[in-house]
Amino acid sequence: MKIEAIQFEQKASQRIYNDYMKRIKKATNSLSKDNQDDIYMEFNSHIFEAIQYKNNTNEIDSLLDIIEKLGAPEEVLKPLVADKKLEQATRTFNPVHVFRALILNFTNGISYVIFFILYLFLFGFVFLIFAKIFNPEHVGLFIKEHSASIFVLGMMSPEDKLHSNAVEILGNWFIPVMILSTFLFYFLITLLLKFKKSINQK
């Protein structure tokens, strides 16, 4: 979508306007193209309408006054960008969008920090998958022999296995189970994040 730039009579006004709109683009560059365009158009329209309203005053003074009231894009747009990014993340389930959304929302409550930690735990599953490939004898789901209680999910040295009388119960199924668990927990945590966002909007 082509958005027409506002044309000013004074070169200084044009430079100030162009610089401000570039800052808006930079502040929103993590969002989808549609969201970027919507925000850019909204600010552009606001400046255009405000300039028309102040047509009897000095152009550059009017523009500086409008920009001052709108505020610095880097600060003003931060909550909006964080919210839009979270909406994009919970809609697409894209891990990159999810992590960027959580980082942007760190200042919006402790719950987002908790979600970030939960996602980090999922990387533990991924680590165990690769660890199992390179060290199959010492990585797995270990339980005490003749006991139904889970003892360790992870790595155990031969000495610890012997001392604890532990056996690995998944064998070749360990990697498929970890892959399935990673996808399952990622899906569930992202659904919880989506639910959390929907509650905040009510």
Protein backbone atom coordinates (compact mmCIF):
# COMPACT_ATOMS: atom_id res chain seq x y z
CA MET A 1 0.00 0.00 0.00
CA LYS A 2 1.43 3.36 -1.10
CA ILE A 3 1.06 6.07 1.52
CA GLU A 4 1.53 9.59 0.20
CA ALA A 5 3.98 11.72 2.14
CA ILE A 6 2.84 15.15 3.24
CA GLN A 7 4.49 17.93 1.24
CA PHE A 8 5.61 21.05 3.07
CA GLU A 9 6.58 24.45 1.69
CA GLN A 10 9.68 24.84 3.84
CA LYS A 11 12.62 22.45 3.45
CA ALA A 12 13.22 22.44 7.21
CA SER A 13 9.62 21.34 7.83
CA GLN A 14 9.98 18.57 5.25
CA ARG A 15 13.17 17.30 6.90
CA ILE A 16 11.55 17.28 10.35
CA TYR A 17 8.50 15.45 9.01
CA ASN A 18 10.58 12.90 7.05
CA ASP A 19 12.78 12.21 10.06
CA TYR A 20 9.77 11.71 12.35
CA MET A 21 8.09 9.29 9.94
CA LYS A 22 11.36 7.33 9.58
CA ARG A 23 11.43 6.97 13.36
CA ILE A 24 7.88 5.57 13.23
CA LYS A 25 8.95 3.02 10.62
CA LYS A 26 11.96 2.03 12.70
CA ALA A 27 9.88 1.70 15.88
CA THR A 28 7.41 -0.63 14.13
CA ASN A 29 9.78 -2.67 11.92
CA SER A 30 9.26 -5.84 13.99
CA LEU A 31 5.56 -5.92 13.06
CA SER A 32 3.87 -7.29 9.96
CA LYS A 33 3.75 -5.02 6.89
CA ASP A 34 -0.01 -4.43 7.34
CA ASN A 35 0.41 -3.37 10.97
CA GLN A 36 3.33 -1.11 10.05
CA ASP A 37 1.27 0.55 7.33
CA ASP A 38 -1.76 1.01 9.61
CA ILE A 39 0.30 2.75 12.30
CA TYR A 40 2.22 4.84 9.75
CA MET A 41 -1.02 5.93 8.07
CA GLU A 42 -2.64 6.82 11.38
CA PHE A 43 0.24 9.11 12.38
CA ASN A 44 0.47 10.56 8.88
CA SER A 45 -3.25 11.36 8.81
CA HIS A 46 -3.09 12.92 12.27
CA ILE A 47 -0.23 15.22 11.23
CA PHE A 48 -2.00 16.15 7.97
CA GLU A 49 -5.30 17.01 9.69
CA ALA A 50 -3.57 18.95 12.45
CA ILE A 51 -1.55 20.96 9.91
CA GLN A 52 -4.77 21.89 8.06
CA TYR A 53 -6.31 23.02 11.34
CA LYS A 54 -3.33 25.29 12.03
CA ASN A 55 -3.03 26.74 8.53
CA ASN A 56 -2.83 30.31 9.82
CA THR A 57 0.29 29.73 11.91
CA ASN A 58 3.93 29.28 10.95
CA GLU A 59 4.38 25.92 9.22
CA ILE A 60 7.47 24.74 11.07
CA ASP A 61 6.13 25.88 14.44
CA SER A 62 2.86 24.05 13.77
CA LEU A 63 4.68 20.86 12.80
CA LEU A 64 6.96 20.96 15.85
CA ASP A 65 3.94 21.52 18.09
CA ILE A 66 2.08 18.55 16.54
CA ILE A 67 5.10 16.24 16.82
CA GLU A 68 5.67 17.27 20.43
CA LYS A 69 2.06 16.39 21.28
CA LEU A 70 2.30 13.05 19.46
CA GLY A 71 5.45 12.20 21.40
CA ALA A 72 8.61 10.26 20.58
CA PRO A 73 7.68 7.20 18.45
CA GLU A 74 10.20 5.03 20.32
CA GLU A 75 8.27 5.59 23.57
CA VAL A 76 4.70 6.22 22.41
CA LEU A 77 4.58 3.13 20.18
CA LYS A 78 6.27 0.72 22.58
CA PRO A 79 3.04 -0.58 24.25
CA LEU A 80 1.21 -0.77 20.91
CA VAL A 81 4.06 -2.64 19.20
CA ALA A 82 4.28 -5.05 22.16
CA ASP A 83 0.55 -5.75 21.97
CA LYS A 84 0.54 -6.18 18.18
CA LYS A 85 3.56 -8.48 18.36
CA LEU A 86 1.85 -10.62 21.01
CA GLU A 87 -1.27 -10.83 18.84
CA GLN A 88 0.87 -11.93 15.87
CA ALA A 89 2.72 -14.50 18.00
CA THR A 90 -0.41 -16.16 19.41
CA ARG A 91 -2.01 -16.22 15.96
CA THR A 92 0.91 -17.75 14.05
CA PHE A 93 2.52 -19.87 16.83
CA ASN A 94 5.87 -18.79 15.31
CA PRO A 95 8.61 -19.25 17.98
CA VAL A 96 10.52 -16.17 16.77
CA HIS A 97 7.42 -13.98 17.11
CA VAL A 98 6.63 -15.53 20.50
CA PHE A 99 10.03 -14.73 22.00
CA ARG A 100 10.12 -11.22 20.57
CA ALA A 101 6.61 -10.58 21.88
CA LEU A 102 7.53 -11.77 25.37
CA ILE A 103 10.68 -9.65 25.44
CA LEU A 104 8.67 -6.59 24.37
CA ASN A 105 6.07 -7.34 27.08
CA PHE A 106 8.54 -7.86 29.95
CA THR A 107 7.53 -4.55 31.50
CA ASN A 108 3.80 -5.37 31.25
CA GLY A 109 3.66 -7.81 34.15
CA ILE A 110 5.39 -10.71 35.88
CA SER A 111 3.19 -13.20 34.03
CA TYR A 112 5.07 -12.52 30.78
CA VAL A 113 8.37 -13.24 32.53
CA ILE A 114 6.90 -16.55 33.72
CA PHE A 115 5.82 -17.41 30.18
CA PHE A 116 9.33 -16.62 28.95
CA ILE A 117 10.79 -19.02 31.54
CA LEU A 118 8.31 -21.73 30.51
CA TYR A 119 9.41 -21.40 26.89
CA LEU A 120 13.04 -21.61 27.97
CA PHE A 121 12.28 -24.93 29.69
CA LEU A 122 11.24 -26.25 26.30
CA PHE A 123 14.79 -25.68 25.09
CA GLY A 124 15.79 -28.16 27.78
CA PHE A 125 13.82 -30.82 25.89
CA VAL A 126 15.59 -29.88 22.65
CA PHE A 127 18.96 -30.06 24.42
CA LEU A 128 18.14 -33.55 25.73
CA ILE A 129 17.29 -34.73 22.21
CA PHE A 130 20.75 -33.80 20.95
CA ALA A 131 22.41 -35.04 24.14
CA LYS A 132 20.73 -38.43 23.63
CA ILE A 133 22.13 -38.64 20.10
CA PHE A 134 25.70 -37.99 21.21
CA ASN A 135 25.57 -39.72 24.60
CA PRO A 136 22.80 -42.34 24.45
CA GLU A 137 23.90 -44.39 27.46
CA HIS A 138 23.78 -41.54 29.94
CA VAL A 139 20.74 -39.54 28.77
CA GLY A 140 17.13 -40.57 29.18
CA LEU A 141 14.25 -41.07 31.58
CA PHE A 142 15.68 -42.89 34.58
CA ILE A 143 13.74 -44.51 37.41
CA LYS A 144 14.75 -46.52 40.42
CA GLU A 145 14.72 -50.18 39.60
CA HIS A 146 11.60 -51.99 40.92
CA SER A 147 9.96 -48.61 41.59
CA ALA A 148 7.34 -46.64 39.64
CA SER A 149 8.62 -43.25 40.76
CA ILE A 150 10.44 -41.05 38.22
CA PHE A 151 13.97 -40.37 39.33
CA VAL A 152 15.67 -38.29 36.62
CA LEU A 153 14.82 -36.85 33.22
CA GLY A 154 18.15 -35.86 31.81
CA MET A 155 21.74 -37.00 32.20
CA MET A 156 23.24 -39.42 34.73
CA SER A 157 26.82 -40.52 35.12
CA PRO A 158 27.58 -44.28 35.35
CA GLU A 159 28.46 -43.81 39.02
CA ASP A 160 25.14 -42.11 39.81
CA LYS A 161 23.20 -44.78 37.92
CA LEU A 162 24.94 -47.52 39.86
CA HIS A 163 24.63 -45.76 43.21
CA SER A 164 20.92 -44.97 42.68
CA ASN A 165 20.13 -48.35 41.13
CA ALA A 166 18.51 -46.45 38.22
CA VAL A 167 17.51 -47.78 34.81
CA GLU A 168 16.56 -45.89 31.64
CA ILE A 169 13.05 -46.92 30.55
CA LEU A 170 12.42 -45.21 27.20
CA GLY A 171 15.42 -46.41 25.22
CA ASN A 172 14.99 -45.64 21.49
CA TRP A 173 11.62 -44.03 22.24
CA PHE A 174 13.28 -41.22 24.21
CA ILE A 175 13.84 -38.91 21.21
CA PRO A 176 10.32 -39.33 19.72
CA VAL A 177 8.79 -38.76 23.18
CA MET A 178 10.88 -35.60 23.69
CA ILE A 179 9.96 -34.26 20.23
CA LEU A 180 6.27 -34.91 20.85
CA SER A 181 6.49 -33.36 24.34
CA THR A 182 8.23 -30.26 22.97
CA PHE A 183 5.51 -29.64 20.37
CA LEU A 184 2.71 -30.45 22.81
CA PHE A 185 3.97 -28.16 25.58
CA TYR A 186 4.81 -25.38 23.10
CA PHE A 187 1.25 -25.53 21.76
CA LEU A 188 -0.30 -25.56 25.26
CA ILE A 189 1.86 -22.71 26.60
CA THR A 190 1.11 -20.59 23.53
CA LEU A 191 -2.62 -21.25 23.97
CA LEU A 192 -2.30 -20.12 27.60
CA LEU A 193 -0.50 -16.99 26.41
CA LYS A 194 -3.33 -16.34 23.95
CA PHE A 195 -5.87 -16.85 26.74
CA LYS A 196 -3.92 -14.44 28.96
CA LYS A 197 -4.00 -11.81 26.22
CA SER A 198 -7.75 -12.24 25.70
CA ILE A 199 -8.35 -11.71 29.45
CA ASN A 200 -6.29 -8.50 29.38
CA GLN A 201 -8.44 -7.13 26.58
CA LYS A 202 -11.70 -7.56 28.53
